Amino acid sequence: MSIGSVAERIVRYSHCPVLVLRN
């Protein structure tokens, strides 16, 4: 997995702050 893939996931989960806080 490259950094680009991780960045895309962050953008997708950005609409769900709850999931981000759990991580």
PDB file of N, CA and C in Angstrom:
ATOM      1  N   MET A   1       0.852  -1.207   0.000  1.00  0.00           N
ATOM      2  CA  MET A   1       0.000   0.000   0.000  1.00  0.00           C
ATOM      3  C   MET A   1       0.880   1.246   0.000  1.00  0.00           C
ATOM      4  N   SER A   2       0.589   2.142  -0.906  1.00  0.00           N
ATOM      5  CA  SER A   2       1.387   3.372  -0.993  1.00  0.00           C
ATOM      6  C   SER A   2       0.723   4.491  -0.192  1.00  0.00           C
ATOM      7  N   ILE A   3       1.460   5.576  -0.012  1.00  0.00           N
ATOM      8  CA  ILE A   3       0.908   6.702   0.760  1.00  0.00           C
ATOM      9  C   ILE A   3      -0.350   7.232   0.078  1.00  0.00           C
ATOM     10  N   GLY A   4      -0.376   7.183  -1.251  1.00  0.00           N
ATOM     11  CA  GLY A   4      -1.558   7.680  -1.980  1.00  0.00           C
ATOM     12  C   GLY A   4      -2.805   6.932  -1.558  1.00  0.00           C
ATOM     13  N   SER A   5      -2.697   5.612  -1.424  1.00  0.00           N
ATOM     14  CA  SER A   5      -3.863   4.814  -1.027  1.00  0.00           C
ATOM     15  C   SER A   5      -4.322   5.220   0.371  1.00  0.00           C
ATOM     16  N   VAL A   6      -3.367   5.417   1.252  1.00  0.00           N
ATOM     17  CA  VAL A   6      -3.727   5.807   2.626  1.00  0.00           C
ATOM     18  C   VAL A   6      -4.410   7.171   2.612  1.00  0.00           C
ATOM     19  N   ALA A   7      -3.903   8.096   1.812  1.00  0.00           N
ATOM     20  CA  ALA A   7      -4.500   9.443   1.740  1.00  0.00           C
ATOM     21  C   ALA A   7      -5.942   9.334   1.253  1.00  0.00           C
ATOM     22  N   GLU A   8      -6.187   8.475   0.272  1.00  0.00           N
ATOM     23  CA  GLU A   8      -7.559   8.329  -0.236  1.00  0.00           C
ATOM     24  C   GLU A   8      -8.475   7.823   0.866  1.00  0.00           C
ATOM     25  N   ARG A   9      -7.988   6.873   1.657  1.00  0.00           N
ATOM     26  CA  ARG A   9      -8.834   6.345   2.746  1.00  0.00           C
ATOM     27  C   ARG A   9      -9.128   7.440   3.762  1.00  0.00           C
ATOM     28  N   ILE A  10      -8.133   8.258   4.079  1.00  0.00           N
ATOM     29  CA  ILE A  10      -8.352   9.336   5.048  1.00  0.00           C
ATOM     30  C   ILE A  10      -9.436  10.278   4.534  1.00  0.00           C
ATOM     31  N   VAL A  11      -9.389  10.589   3.247  1.00  0.00           N
ATOM     32  CA  VAL A  11     -10.394  11.496   2.679  1.00  0.00           C
ATOM     33  C   VAL A  11     -11.774  10.853   2.728  1.00  0.00           C
ATOM     34  N   ARG A  12     -11.833   9.546   2.464  1.00  0.00           N
ATOM     35  CA  ARG A  12     -13.132   8.861   2.492  1.00  0.00           C
ATOM     36  C   ARG A  12     -13.688   8.822   3.910  1.00  0.00           C
ATOM     37  N   TYR A  13     -12.817   8.572   4.888  1.00  0.00           N
ATOM     38  CA  TYR A  13     -13.295   8.496   6.277  1.00  0.00           C
ATOM     39  C   TYR A  13     -13.416   9.872   6.926  1.00  0.00           C
ATOM     40  N   SER A  14     -13.003  10.914   6.215  1.00  0.00           N
ATOM     41  CA  SER A  14     -13.061  12.263   6.793  1.00  0.00           C
ATOM     42  C   SER A  14     -14.508  12.634   7.124  1.00  0.00           C
ATOM     43  N   HIS A  15     -15.481  12.026   6.408  1.00  0.00           N
ATOM     44  CA  HIS A  15     -16.888  12.352   6.674  1.00  0.00           C
ATOM     45  C   HIS A  15     -17.381  11.599   7.907  1.00  0.00           C
ATOM     46  N   CYS A  16     -16.560  10.702   8.453  1.00  0.00           N
ATOM     47  CA  CYS A  16     -16.956   9.945   9.654  1.00  0.00           C
ATOM     48  C   CYS A  16     -15.931  10.191  10.766  1.00  0.00           C
ATOM     49  N   PRO A  17     -15.998  11.314  11.461  1.00  0.00           N
ATOM     50  CA  PRO A  17     -15.038  11.626  12.529  1.00  0.00           C
ATOM     51  C   PRO A  17     -15.038  10.573  13.625  1.00  0.00           C
ATOM     52  N   VAL A  18     -16.159   9.890  13.799  1.00  0.00           N
ATOM     53  CA  VAL A  18     -16.229   8.867  14.856  1.00  0.00           C
ATOM     54  C   VAL A  18     -15.204   7.768  14.580  1.00  0.00           C
ATOM     55  N   LEU A  19     -15.132   7.306  13.344  1.00  0.00           N
ATOM     56  CA  LEU A  19     -14.180   6.237  13.015  1.00  0.00           C
ATOM     57  C   LEU A  19     -12.755   6.753  13.194  1.00  0.00           C
ATOM     58  N   VAL A  20     -12.521   7.999  12.825  1.00  0.00           N
ATOM     59  CA  VAL A  20     -11.165   8.552  12.938  1.00  0.00           C
ATOM     60  C   VAL A  20     -10.754   8.631  14.408  1.00  0.00           C
ATOM     61  N   LEU A  21     -11.708   9.029  15.256  1.00  0.00           N
ATOM     62  CA  LEU A  21     -11.376   9.143  16.685  1.00  0.00           C
ATOM     63  C   LEU A  21     -11.063   7.768  17.260  1.00  0.00           C
ATOM     64  N   ARG A  22     -11.769   6.748  16.778  1.00  0.00           N
ATOM     65  CA  ARG A  22     -11.510   5.396  17.298  1.00  0.00           C
ATOM     66  C   ARG A  22     -10.079   4.984  16.977  1.00  0.00           C
ATOM     67  N   ASN A  23      -9.612   5.336  15.792  1.00  0.00           N
ATOM     68  CA  ASN A  23      -8.232   4.985  15.426  1.00  0.00           C
ATOM     69  C   ASN A  23      -7.287   5.877  16.214  1.00  0.00           C
TER      70      ASN A  23
END
